[in-house]
Amino acid sequence: MKLTAQAQLVEIFTKTGLLPYMKLFGVAELVFVSLFLWPRSLRIGFLLLTPYFGGAMAVELSQHIFFIMPAVILAFVWLGAWLRDNSLFGVAHKMQKTFIAH
């Protein structure tokens, strides 16, 4: 959507002053999502997507724009990461300690 310059996104990026970087953000988003979806690079993709969408929320909040879309996407990224590899959150390590202790 950022690469096709949809009217709604052009309006938001103009308001935030980031219109010249819209296509760069679109390419970065595609690269980060690709890394996240490829199993061998899940961790780096997750680590890049989290601050990307966190930053999007921060920019939208600072400009008094409704920030729910990046928050929802970020929630799905975290849910997908947890479902694919819960060791990202330290869950597997804690479970191993529990099983060893018993």
Protein backbone atom coordinates (compact mmCIF):
# COMPACT_ATOMS: atom_id res chain seq x y z
CA MET A 1 0.00 0.00 0.00
CA LYS A 2 2.87 2.36 0.70
CA LEU A 3 4.50 1.47 -2.60
CA THR A 4 1.32 2.24 -4.55
CA ALA A 5 0.85 5.60 -2.78
CA GLN A 6 -2.79 5.20 -1.77
CA ALA A 7 -4.59 8.47 -1.09
CA GLN A 8 -5.20 7.77 2.61
CA LEU A 9 -1.54 6.97 3.24
CA VAL A 10 -0.37 9.98 1.24
CA GLU A 11 -2.55 12.16 3.47
CA ILE A 12 -1.13 10.63 6.67
CA PHE A 13 2.48 10.79 5.48
CA THR A 14 2.00 14.40 4.35
CA LYS A 15 0.61 15.33 7.77
CA THR A 16 3.59 13.73 9.51
CA GLY A 17 6.11 15.23 7.09
CA LEU A 18 7.37 11.81 6.00
CA LEU A 19 5.97 11.75 2.45
CA PRO A 20 9.42 11.68 0.77
CA TYR A 21 10.21 8.47 2.69
CA MET A 22 6.93 6.61 2.10
CA LYS A 23 8.28 4.25 -0.55
CA LEU A 24 11.40 3.59 1.51
CA PHE A 25 9.18 2.62 4.45
CA GLY A 26 7.18 0.36 2.13
CA VAL A 27 10.31 -1.45 0.94
CA ALA A 28 11.61 -1.76 4.51
CA GLU A 29 8.28 -3.19 5.62
CA LEU A 30 8.37 -5.81 2.84
CA VAL A 31 11.94 -6.79 3.72
CA PHE A 32 11.13 -7.07 7.44
CA VAL A 33 8.00 -9.15 6.79
CA SER A 34 9.94 -11.41 4.41
CA LEU A 35 12.59 -11.98 7.06
CA PHE A 36 9.88 -12.68 9.63
CA LEU A 37 8.13 -15.22 7.41
CA TRP A 38 11.29 -17.12 6.47
CA PRO A 39 11.86 -19.62 9.30
CA ARG A 40 15.65 -19.22 9.45
CA SER A 41 15.40 -15.45 9.92
CA LEU A 42 12.30 -15.33 12.13
CA ARG A 43 14.18 -13.80 15.05
CA ILE A 44 15.78 -10.94 13.13
CA GLY A 45 12.49 -10.26 11.32
CA PHE A 46 10.70 -10.12 14.66
CA LEU A 47 13.37 -7.82 16.10
CA LEU A 48 13.05 -5.47 13.11
CA LEU A 49 9.24 -5.46 12.88
CA THR A 50 8.69 -4.68 16.56
CA PRO A 51 10.45 -1.28 16.61
CA TYR A 52 9.21 -0.50 13.09
CA PHE A 53 5.56 -0.67 14.13
CA GLY A 54 6.33 0.75 17.58
CA GLY A 55 7.84 3.75 15.83
CA ALA A 56 4.80 4.00 13.57
CA MET A 57 2.58 4.15 16.65
CA ALA A 58 4.81 6.80 18.23
CA VAL A 59 4.73 9.00 15.12
CA GLU A 60 0.97 8.68 14.78
CA LEU A 61 0.45 9.47 18.47
CA SER A 62 2.69 12.53 18.25
CA GLN A 63 0.66 13.82 15.30
CA HIS A 64 -2.72 13.05 16.95
CA ILE A 65 -3.56 10.44 14.32
CA PHE A 66 -5.57 7.33 15.17
CA PHE A 67 -2.81 4.76 15.87
CA ILE A 68 -4.84 1.54 16.04
CA MET A 69 -3.64 0.04 12.73
CA PRO A 70 0.07 -0.28 13.62
CA ALA A 71 -0.94 -1.53 17.08
CA VAL A 72 -3.13 -4.28 15.62
CA ILE A 73 -0.42 -5.30 13.14
CA LEU A 74 2.16 -5.37 15.94
CA ALA A 75 -0.15 -7.52 18.08
CA PHE A 76 -0.47 -10.02 15.21
CA VAL A 77 3.32 -10.01 14.72
CA TRP A 78 3.83 -10.83 18.39
CA LEU A 79 1.11 -13.50 18.34
CA GLY A 80 2.59 -15.05 15.19
CA ALA A 81 6.07 -15.01 16.68
CA TRP A 82 4.85 -16.65 19.87
CA LEU A 83 2.96 -19.35 17.96
CA ARG A 84 5.93 -20.08 15.68
CA ASP A 85 8.73 -19.95 18.28
CA ASN A 86 7.80 -19.27 21.88
CA SER A 87 11.47 -19.42 22.88
CA LEU A 88 11.65 -15.80 21.72
CA PHE A 89 9.84 -14.92 24.92
CA GLY A 90 11.79 -17.22 27.26
CA VAL A 91 8.86 -19.64 27.63
CA ALA A 92 10.66 -22.77 26.45
CA HIS A 93 13.62 -22.13 28.76
CA LYS A 94 11.35 -21.80 31.80
CA MET A 95 9.42 -24.93 30.81
CA GLN A 96 12.65 -26.94 30.56
CA LYS A 97 13.67 -25.84 34.07
CA THR A 98 10.26 -26.93 35.38
CA PHE A 99 10.52 -30.36 33.80
CA ILE A 100 14.08 -30.86 35.04
CA ALA A 101 13.15 -29.87 38.60
CA HIS A 102 10.39 -32.47 38.80
